[in-house]
Amino acid sequence: MQCILIALNRFLQEKHGSKMAFLDGNPPERLCKPIAAHIESLGGQVVLNSRIQKIELNADKSVKHFVLTNGNIITGDAYVFATPVDILKLLLPEDWKEISYFKK
């Protein structure tokens, strides 16, 4: 596993590391920025460098909003939550823990 992590880290950090894969540049410039620009062009908002403290749910168990550690509240029609699985497990609402998707 360590070999894979070292290779992936190099792929993500080096300007031309992705030439071994499918991008013609580094992933943040050639993959992440265009995705963020597309979301913003459709009226969405991309929030970076923010830590989620809690996922609040509606009565139907859909997302009501995210509460950030700085006290801000993020609301929207759809959410993308980019975090390691271990962090997601800590933040997962109790009502979602019985959903088969999250049991894995």
Protein backbone atom coordinates (compact mmCIF):
# COMPACT_ATOMS: atom_id res chain seq x y z
CA MET A 1 0.00 0.00 0.00
CA GLN A 2 2.84 2.38 0.74
CA CYS A 3 4.06 2.15 -2.87
CA ILE A 4 0.63 3.13 -4.15
CA LEU A 5 0.41 6.07 -1.75
CA ILE A 6 3.87 7.32 -2.73
CA ALA A 7 3.01 7.11 -6.43
CA LEU A 8 -0.35 8.81 -5.92
CA ASN A 9 1.22 11.57 -3.85
CA ARG A 10 3.77 12.20 -6.59
CA PHE A 11 1.02 12.17 -9.21
CA LEU A 12 -0.93 14.80 -7.25
CA GLN A 13 2.02 17.03 -6.35
CA GLU A 14 4.08 17.25 -9.51
CA LYS A 15 3.18 19.58 -12.34
CA HIS A 16 3.57 16.91 -15.01
CA GLY A 17 2.85 13.88 -12.82
CA SER A 18 -0.47 13.22 -14.49
CA LYS A 19 1.09 12.64 -17.90
CA MET A 20 1.29 9.00 -16.84
CA ALA A 21 -2.49 9.03 -16.61
CA PHE A 22 -5.11 11.07 -18.44
CA LEU A 23 -4.51 14.77 -17.76
CA ASP A 24 -2.25 17.15 -19.65
CA GLY A 25 -1.24 18.96 -16.47
CA ASN A 26 -1.51 18.82 -12.71
CA PRO A 27 -4.88 17.65 -11.29
CA PRO A 28 -5.78 20.84 -9.39
CA GLU A 29 -5.36 22.96 -12.55
CA ARG A 30 -6.70 20.54 -15.13
CA LEU A 31 -9.41 18.70 -13.17
CA CYS A 32 -10.47 20.49 -9.97
CA LYS A 33 -10.52 24.09 -11.24
CA PRO A 34 -12.65 23.29 -14.32
CA ILE A 35 -15.14 21.38 -12.15
CA ALA A 36 -15.35 24.29 -9.69
CA ALA A 37 -15.71 26.79 -12.56
CA HIS A 38 -18.56 24.73 -14.05
CA ILE A 39 -20.39 24.57 -10.71
CA GLU A 40 -19.98 28.33 -10.26
CA SER A 41 -21.09 29.04 -13.87
CA LEU A 42 -24.39 27.35 -13.01
CA GLY A 43 -24.88 29.50 -9.91
CA GLY A 44 -23.34 27.09 -7.41
CA GLN A 45 -20.81 27.92 -4.76
CA VAL A 46 -17.56 26.08 -4.04
CA VAL A 47 -16.39 26.42 -0.43
CA LEU A 48 -12.81 25.35 0.22
CA ASN A 49 -10.69 25.07 3.36
CA SER A 50 -13.73 24.78 5.61
CA ARG A 51 -14.33 22.09 8.20
CA ILE A 52 -17.78 20.65 8.72
CA GLN A 53 -18.79 20.29 12.34
CA LYS A 54 -22.21 18.74 11.80
CA ILE A 55 -24.62 17.65 9.08
CA GLU A 56 -28.14 18.79 10.05
CA LEU A 57 -31.04 16.83 8.57
CA ASN A 58 -34.64 17.61 7.65
CA ALA A 59 -37.50 15.44 8.93
CA ASP A 60 -37.26 13.34 5.72
CA LYS A 61 -33.54 12.66 6.47
CA SER A 62 -32.31 14.85 3.60
CA VAL A 63 -29.61 17.43 4.27
CA LYS A 64 -30.94 20.63 5.82
CA HIS A 65 -27.54 22.33 6.04
CA PHE A 66 -23.91 21.91 7.05
CA VAL A 67 -22.64 23.61 10.20
CA LEU A 68 -19.00 24.64 9.85
CA THR A 69 -16.54 24.77 12.74
CA ASN A 70 -16.37 28.57 12.36
CA GLY A 71 -20.14 28.76 13.02
CA ASN A 72 -21.18 29.45 9.42
CA ILE A 73 -24.08 27.49 7.96
CA ILE A 74 -23.97 26.19 4.38
CA THR A 75 -27.33 25.55 2.68
CA GLY A 76 -28.05 24.38 -0.83
CA ASP A 77 -30.07 22.23 -3.18
CA ALA A 78 -27.24 19.72 -3.61
CA TYR A 79 -23.99 19.10 -1.74
CA VAL A 80 -20.60 17.61 -2.52
CA PHE A 81 -18.70 16.71 0.61
CA ALA A 82 -15.05 15.93 -0.14
CA THR A 83 -13.50 14.31 2.91
CA PRO A 84 -11.68 11.14 3.90
CA VAL A 85 -13.97 8.26 4.83
CA ASP A 86 -12.78 8.25 8.45
CA ILE A 87 -13.90 11.86 8.89
CA LEU A 88 -17.23 11.16 7.19
CA LYS A 89 -17.84 8.29 9.63
CA LEU A 90 -17.39 10.70 12.54
CA LEU A 91 -19.81 13.25 11.05
CA LEU A 92 -22.43 10.81 9.75
CA PRO A 93 -25.85 11.60 11.25
CA GLU A 94 -27.36 8.80 13.35
CA ASP A 95 -30.34 8.58 10.99
CA TRP A 96 -28.02 7.71 8.10
CA LYS A 97 -26.07 4.96 9.86
CA GLU A 98 -28.80 2.42 9.08
CA ILE A 99 -28.70 3.15 5.33
CA SER A 100 -27.00 0.23 3.57
CA TYR A 101 -24.82 2.58 1.48
CA PHE A 102 -23.20 3.96 4.63
CA LYS A 103 -22.84 0.59 6.35
CA LYS A 104 -20.01 -0.28 3.98
